[in-house]
Amino acid sequence: MLTFAQPWFALLLPLPALIWWLMPAYAESRRGVRVPFFTLLVSATGLQPHEGVVTRQRGFWRTASLVLCWLLSLLALMRPQWLEPPIHRERPARDLLLLVDLSGSMDTRDFTDPSGAKVDRLTAAKQVLDEFLAKRQGDRVGVVVFGNAAFTLVPFTTDLKLARALLQEMQVGMAGPRTVLGDAIGLGINLFARSTAPAKTMIALTDGNDTASSVPPAEAARIAHDKGIVIHTVAIGDPAAAGEEKLDEAALKDVATVTGGGFYRALDRAELAGIYTKLDQIEARKVDTVSYQPRTDLYWVPLLAMITVALLAQALMVVRRPRLSRLLKVAS
């Protein structure tokens, strides 16, 4: 479909006619030369002289070329554009943040991999997270790791291949031996501050109790709830453990309940994989369909046509001049 970006330039269409009507004709005084072949000269040029005045008039083709050039120049100024068919694309409408515990207890080898070998908790978690992210095409994903402190491992990105690669680089203890789940939630809230996605989700994966957070997990969860963030908690520790490795299920359940999320317990890798399957079903993907209609500028078409008409008009005048010169020679 053809449209114009600057259609108001069409209001200038009658401008030359108004100037011709309102402005006085251009006059120039020159000394005249008397010639015996004046009548022949007048008939050859097509001019209509009057007593004491010589009036030069444009021919039909020259006038037509000027009018056409004016119309084409206005058309170019109006910026004609061709509207292409609309393009629909999907953009992420959900931001998903993974909170991964890297405390020393994640080195405990009490999980079984698909081959039947015993692996540590972090290795099992990385395998399941990798499978989970492989299914998250269309989402923006971020990763926060925490131990003695919380750190952003992967800021929000749609490059899930990069996120999966960095997840595989995680090591037990790289953030310290302790657990600061509350601070990790607080960091996640800050990361969500610039997010405009309608659905915001955190998945906290930890195997210990909060031992060093500046903000208790429950208080951080209430702030997250006020910000519209849902937190799902996944407990992968041993409920029977004591001391630093004791799993505080009550705190994890409280965090999930306050934010409207779910609490899950994973005692082995198969159960952990099943949890992420449930989360994948609960957190159905949401996308916004964005429609964009490309515009192709065509101002160059009337501009090129105007230049062509002007050049042809000038060429026609050059062709006619030798003929006029021959007539003058014959008259002399």
Protein backbone atom coordinates (compact mmCIF):
# COMPACT_ATOMS: atom_id res chain seq x y z
CA MET A 1 0.00 0.00 0.00
CA LEU A 2 1.29 3.48 -0.91
CA THR A 3 1.31 6.19 1.75
CA PHE A 4 3.02 9.52 2.39
CA ALA A 5 5.15 10.49 5.38
CA GLN A 6 4.77 14.26 4.78
CA PRO A 7 1.39 14.69 3.05
CA TRP A 8 1.01 18.32 4.16
CA PHE A 9 3.44 19.38 1.39
CA ALA A 10 0.47 18.95 -0.98
CA LEU A 11 -0.84 22.27 0.38
CA LEU A 12 1.93 23.99 -1.61
CA LEU A 13 0.47 22.79 -4.91
CA PRO A 14 -1.28 26.10 -5.85
CA LEU A 15 1.72 28.24 -4.78
CA PRO A 16 3.05 28.94 -8.35
CA ALA A 17 -0.45 29.97 -9.54
CA LEU A 18 -0.82 32.34 -6.58
CA ILE A 19 2.56 33.90 -7.30
CA TRP A 20 1.66 34.31 -10.99
CA TRP A 21 -1.66 35.92 -10.05
CA LEU A 22 -0.51 38.18 -7.20
CA MET A 23 3.02 39.16 -8.17
CA PRO A 24 3.68 41.67 -11.00
CA ALA A 25 5.32 40.36 -14.14
CA TYR A 26 9.05 40.55 -14.32
CA ALA A 27 10.18 43.53 -16.40
CA GLU A 28 13.62 44.38 -17.72
CA SER A 29 14.63 47.38 -19.83
CA ARG A 30 17.02 46.76 -22.71
CA ARG A 31 18.14 48.71 -25.72
CA GLY A 32 16.45 47.58 -28.88
CA VAL A 33 17.98 46.85 -32.28
CA ARG A 34 16.05 47.58 -35.43
CA VAL A 35 16.23 44.90 -38.11
CA PRO A 36 14.56 44.71 -41.54
CA PHE A 37 13.46 41.10 -40.96
CA PHE A 38 11.52 41.77 -37.74
CA THR A 39 8.31 40.15 -39.02
CA LEU A 40 10.16 36.95 -39.94
CA LEU A 41 11.86 36.94 -36.54
CA VAL A 42 8.53 37.29 -34.75
CA SER A 43 6.97 34.43 -36.71
CA ALA A 44 10.00 32.22 -36.08
CA THR A 45 10.06 32.80 -32.31
CA GLY A 46 6.28 32.71 -31.79
CA LEU A 47 6.35 35.88 -29.67
CA GLN A 48 3.61 38.52 -29.70
CA PRO A 49 5.22 41.98 -29.44
CA HIS A 50 3.34 45.14 -28.55
CA GLU A 51 4.13 48.73 -29.15
CA GLY A 52 7.15 49.65 -27.04
CA VAL A 53 7.12 46.27 -25.26
CA VAL A 54 8.45 42.84 -26.12
CA THR A 55 6.70 40.06 -24.22
CA ARG A 56 8.42 36.71 -24.02
CA GLN A 57 6.08 33.78 -23.59
CA ARG A 58 6.89 30.18 -22.87
CA GLY A 59 5.90 27.54 -25.31
CA PHE A 60 3.49 24.74 -24.43
CA TRP A 61 6.16 22.09 -23.84
CA ARG A 62 8.33 24.34 -21.68
CA THR A 63 5.35 25.31 -19.54
CA ALA A 64 4.27 21.69 -19.28
CA SER A 65 7.77 20.63 -18.21
CA LEU A 66 7.87 23.32 -15.49
CA VAL A 67 4.46 22.29 -14.16
CA LEU A 68 5.46 18.63 -14.21
CA CYS A 69 8.76 19.36 -12.40
CA TRP A 70 6.85 21.27 -9.71
CA LEU A 71 4.41 18.40 -9.21
CA LEU A 72 7.22 15.84 -9.04
CA SER A 73 9.23 17.94 -6.56
CA LEU A 74 6.19 18.20 -4.27
CA LEU A 75 5.65 14.48 -4.59
CA ALA A 76 9.25 13.84 -3.54
CA LEU A 77 8.87 16.19 -0.54
CA MET A 78 5.74 14.30 0.54
CA ARG A 79 7.99 11.23 0.94
CA PRO A 80 5.97 8.45 -0.67
CA GLN A 81 6.43 5.15 1.13
CA TRP A 82 5.44 1.63 0.26
CA LEU A 83 4.05 -0.30 3.22
CA GLU A 84 5.26 -3.90 3.25
CA PRO A 85 3.19 -6.74 4.75
CA PRO A 86 3.28 -6.69 8.59
CA ILE A 87 6.02 -8.67 10.30
CA HIS A 88 5.11 -10.55 13.46
CA ARG A 89 7.73 -11.62 15.92
CA GLU A 90 7.75 -12.93 19.44
CA ARG A 91 9.74 -11.34 22.21
CA PRO A 92 10.33 -12.62 25.73
CA ALA A 93 7.57 -11.64 28.12
CA ARG A 94 8.92 -13.45 31.17
CA ASP A 95 12.15 -13.04 33.09
CA LEU A 96 13.35 -16.16 34.88
CA LEU A 97 16.06 -15.93 37.55
CA LEU A 98 17.82 -18.98 38.95
CA LEU A 99 19.31 -18.76 42.47
CA VAL A 100 21.91 -21.51 42.88
CA ASP A 101 23.49 -22.42 46.21
CA LEU A 102 27.28 -23.00 45.95
CA SER A 103 27.95 -23.58 49.63
CA GLY A 104 30.31 -26.31 50.75
CA SER A 105 27.54 -28.82 51.43
CA MET A 106 26.71 -28.90 47.70
CA ASP A 107 29.80 -31.11 47.36
CA THR A 108 28.01 -33.99 49.12
CA ARG A 109 27.86 -37.03 46.81
CA ASP A 110 24.35 -38.32 47.47
CA PHE A 111 22.80 -38.00 44.00
CA THR A 112 22.81 -40.51 41.16
CA ASP A 113 23.36 -39.53 37.53
CA PRO A 114 21.61 -41.23 34.56
CA SER A 115 24.44 -43.76 34.29
CA GLY A 116 23.97 -44.81 37.91
CA ALA A 117 27.15 -43.22 39.24
CA LYS A 118 27.18 -41.22 42.45
CA VAL A 119 27.62 -37.49 41.87
CA ASP A 120 27.62 -34.45 44.12
CA ARG A 121 24.54 -32.28 44.51
CA LEU A 122 25.88 -29.43 42.39
CA THR A 123 26.68 -31.72 39.47
CA ALA A 124 23.15 -33.15 39.60
CA ALA A 125 21.70 -29.65 39.84
CA LYS A 126 23.75 -28.45 36.84
CA GLN A 127 22.57 -31.38 34.74
CA VAL A 128 18.93 -30.69 35.53
CA LEU A 129 19.32 -26.92 35.09
CA ASP A 130 20.91 -27.49 31.68
CA GLU A 131 17.95 -29.61 30.58
CA PHE A 132 15.54 -27.04 32.01
CA LEU A 133 17.15 -24.11 30.17
CA ALA A 134 17.19 -26.06 26.93
CA LYS A 135 13.38 -25.85 27.01
CA ARG A 136 13.19 -22.16 27.88
CA GLN A 137 13.53 -20.75 24.37
CA GLY A 138 11.81 -17.36 24.28
CA ASP A 139 12.55 -16.41 27.89
CA ARG A 140 15.17 -14.13 29.37
CA VAL A 141 17.17 -16.04 31.95
CA GLY A 142 19.56 -14.85 34.64
CA VAL A 143 21.63 -16.75 37.18
CA VAL A 144 22.61 -15.68 40.72
CA VAL A 145 25.01 -17.82 42.76
CA PHE A 146 25.38 -17.47 46.50
CA GLY A 147 27.57 -18.68 49.34
CA ASN A 148 29.06 -16.18 51.77
CA ALA A 149 27.64 -13.52 49.45
CA ALA A 150 25.39 -13.37 46.39
CA PHE A 151 26.82 -12.67 42.94
CA THR A 152 25.33 -12.27 39.48
CA LEU A 153 26.74 -15.05 37.33
CA VAL A 154 24.56 -14.35 34.29
CA PRO A 155 22.58 -11.10 33.88
CA PHE A 156 19.24 -11.40 32.13
CA THR A 157 19.82 -12.60 28.59
CA THR A 158 18.06 -14.46 25.79
CA ASP A 159 21.36 -16.17 24.94
CA LEU A 160 20.52 -19.41 26.69
CA LYS A 161 23.53 -21.12 25.15
CA LEU A 162 25.79 -18.71 27.04
CA ALA A 163 23.80 -19.18 30.26
CA ARG A 164 24.09 -22.96 30.00
CA ALA A 165 27.83 -22.72 29.37
CA LEU A 166 28.40 -20.51 32.42
CA LEU A 167 26.29 -22.80 34.57
CA GLN A 168 28.66 -25.64 33.75
CA GLU A 169 31.56 -23.50 35.05
CA MET A 170 30.09 -23.26 38.56
CA GLN A 171 32.15 -24.84 41.31
CA VAL A 172 31.34 -25.63 44.92
CA GLY A 173 32.66 -22.95 47.27
CA MET A 174 33.38 -20.37 44.57
CA ALA A 175 31.06 -17.94 46.41
CA GLY A 176 32.09 -19.07 49.89
CA PRO A 177 31.13 -22.00 52.18
CA ARG A 178 28.10 -20.42 53.88
CA THR A 179 24.50 -19.81 52.71
CA VAL A 180 22.92 -16.36 52.24
CA LEU A 181 19.58 -17.12 50.61
CA GLY A 182 18.01 -13.84 51.82
CA ASP A 183 20.77 -11.77 50.22
CA ALA A 184 20.42 -13.78 47.00
CA ILE A 185 16.70 -12.97 46.89
CA GLY A 186 17.53 -9.30 47.54
CA LEU A 187 20.02 -9.27 44.66
CA GLY A 188 17.39 -10.90 42.47
CA ILE A 189 14.89 -8.15 43.35
CA ASN A 190 17.43 -5.55 42.26
CA LEU A 191 17.99 -7.38 38.97
CA PHE A 192 14.24 -7.37 38.36
CA ALA A 193 14.03 -3.60 38.99
CA ARG A 194 14.56 -2.79 35.29
CA SER A 195 12.45 -5.63 33.99
CA THR A 196 9.23 -4.80 32.13
CA ALA A 197 8.16 -8.43 31.71
CA PRO A 198 4.65 -9.14 33.04
CA ALA A 199 5.73 -12.45 34.61
CA LYS A 200 8.78 -12.51 36.91
CA THR A 201 9.94 -15.76 38.45
CA MET A 202 12.75 -16.89 40.74
CA ILE A 203 13.74 -20.49 41.30
CA ALA A 204 15.90 -20.89 44.41
CA LEU A 205 17.89 -24.09 44.64
CA THR A 206 19.60 -24.67 48.01
CA ASP A 207 20.59 -27.52 50.31
CA GLY A 208 21.24 -25.62 53.56
CA ASN A 209 19.78 -23.10 55.97
CA ASP A 210 20.39 -19.36 55.81
CA THR A 211 23.33 -18.62 58.07
CA ALA A 212 24.69 -15.19 57.15
CA SER A 213 22.11 -13.07 55.27
CA SER A 214 21.75 -9.40 56.06
CA VAL A 215 18.03 -9.71 55.31
CA PRO A 216 16.14 -12.82 56.48
CA PRO A 217 14.71 -14.89 53.59
CA ALA A 218 11.12 -14.37 54.76
CA GLU A 219 11.53 -10.58 54.81
CA ALA A 220 13.19 -10.64 51.38
CA ALA A 221 10.31 -12.79 50.11
CA ARG A 222 7.74 -10.24 51.28
CA ILE A 223 9.56 -7.51 49.37
CA ALA A 224 9.65 -9.77 46.30
CA HIS A 225 5.91 -10.34 46.61
CA ASP A 226 5.32 -6.57 46.66
CA LYS A 227 7.35 -6.34 43.44
CA GLY A 228 5.22 -8.99 41.73
CA ILE A 229 7.93 -11.67 41.84
CA VAL A 230 7.06 -15.34 42.37
CA ILE A 231 9.68 -17.53 44.07
CA HIS A 232 9.75 -21.32 43.81
CA THR A 233 12.07 -23.03 46.27
CA VAL A 234 13.77 -26.37 45.67
CA ALA A 235 15.29 -28.11 48.68
CA ILE A 236 18.01 -30.58 47.74
CA GLY A 237 19.56 -31.09 51.15
CA ASP A 238 19.07 -33.81 53.74
CA PRO A 239 16.32 -32.92 56.26
CA ALA A 240 18.02 -35.17 58.83
CA ALA A 241 21.33 -33.27 58.64
CA ALA A 242 22.49 -31.07 61.50
CA GLY A 243 24.58 -27.92 61.92
CA GLU A 244 25.57 -25.91 58.85
CA GLU A 245 24.20 -28.61 56.53
CA LYS A 246 20.77 -28.72 58.18
CA LEU A 247 17.98 -28.01 55.73
CA ASP A 248 15.58 -25.32 56.93
CA GLU A 249 12.45 -26.52 55.12
CA ALA A 250 10.20 -24.21 57.12
CA ALA A 251 12.04 -21.12 55.82
CA LEU A 252 11.91 -22.37 52.23
CA LYS A 253 8.20 -23.13 52.49
CA ASP A 254 7.60 -19.67 53.97
CA VAL A 255 9.45 -18.00 51.07
CA ALA A 256 7.43 -19.93 48.50
CA THR A 257 4.09 -19.37 50.26
CA VAL A 258 4.56 -15.62 50.72
CA THR A 259 5.29 -15.07 47.02
CA GLY A 260 2.70 -17.49 45.66
CA GLY A 261 5.28 -20.02 44.55
CA GLY A 262 5.75 -23.68 45.34
CA PHE A 263 8.06 -25.63 47.62
CA TYR A 264 9.65 -28.81 46.30
CA ARG A 265 11.89 -31.41 47.87
CA ALA A 266 14.42 -33.34 45.82
CA LEU A 267 16.00 -36.34 47.49
CA ASP A 268 17.47 -37.73 44.29
CA ARG A 269 18.15 -36.61 40.73
CA ALA A 270 15.00 -38.23 39.30
CA GLU A 271 12.82 -36.36 41.78
CA LEU A 272 14.71 -33.15 41.09
CA ALA A 273 14.14 -33.54 37.35
CA GLY A 274 10.46 -34.12 38.04
CA ILE A 275 10.30 -30.87 40.00
CA TYR A 276 11.55 -28.86 37.04
CA THR A 277 9.05 -30.63 34.82
CA LYS A 278 6.31 -29.40 37.16
CA LEU A 279 7.76 -25.91 37.19
CA ASP A 280 7.87 -25.94 33.40
CA GLN A 281 4.14 -26.72 33.38
CA ILE A 282 3.24 -24.22 36.09
CA GLU A 283 5.19 -21.34 34.59
CA ALA A 284 3.65 -21.48 31.13
CA ARG A 285 5.57 -19.37 28.65
CA LYS A 286 4.09 -15.96 27.88
CA VAL A 287 5.10 -13.96 24.85
CA ASP A 288 4.05 -10.65 23.37
CA THR A 289 3.37 -10.61 19.65
CA VAL A 290 4.87 -7.46 18.20
CA SER A 291 3.68 -6.33 14.78
CA TYR A 292 5.94 -4.17 12.67
CA GLN A 293 5.15 -2.94 9.18
CA PRO A 294 8.28 -2.07 7.17
CA ARG A 295 8.23 1.10 5.11
CA THR A 296 10.25 1.55 1.93
CA ASP A 297 10.96 5.17 0.98
CA LEU A 298 10.18 5.95 -2.68
CA TYR A 299 10.98 9.69 -2.71
CA TRP A 300 13.80 8.99 -5.15
CA VAL A 301 11.34 7.91 -7.88
CA PRO A 302 9.63 11.32 -8.38
CA LEU A 303 12.99 13.02 -7.77
CA LEU A 304 14.59 11.00 -10.56
CA ALA A 305 11.60 11.66 -12.82
CA MET A 306 11.87 15.42 -12.15
CA ILE A 307 15.57 15.44 -13.08
CA THR A 308 14.82 13.45 -16.24
CA VAL A 309 12.05 15.87 -17.32
CA ALA A 310 14.30 18.89 -16.67
CA LEU A 311 17.14 17.40 -18.70
CA LEU A 312 14.80 16.53 -21.58
CA ALA A 313 13.40 20.08 -21.58
CA GLN A 314 16.90 21.54 -21.72
CA ALA A 315 17.86 19.13 -24.51
CA LEU A 316 14.81 20.18 -26.50
CA MET A 317 15.83 23.83 -26.19
CA VAL A 318 19.34 23.01 -27.40
CA VAL A 319 17.89 21.21 -30.41
CA ARG A 320 15.64 24.15 -31.30
CA ARG A 321 18.37 26.82 -31.06
CA PRO A 322 20.27 25.77 -34.24
CA ARG A 323 16.99 25.89 -36.15
CA LEU A 324 16.36 29.45 -34.95
CA SER A 325 19.91 30.45 -35.92
CA ARG A 326 19.41 29.09 -39.44
CA LEU A 327 16.22 31.09 -39.81
CA LEU A 328 17.99 34.25 -38.75
CA LYS A 329 20.78 33.63 -41.25
CA VAL A 330 18.27 33.16 -44.04
CA ALA A 331 16.50 36.38 -43.10
CA SER A 332 19.74 38.32 -43.12
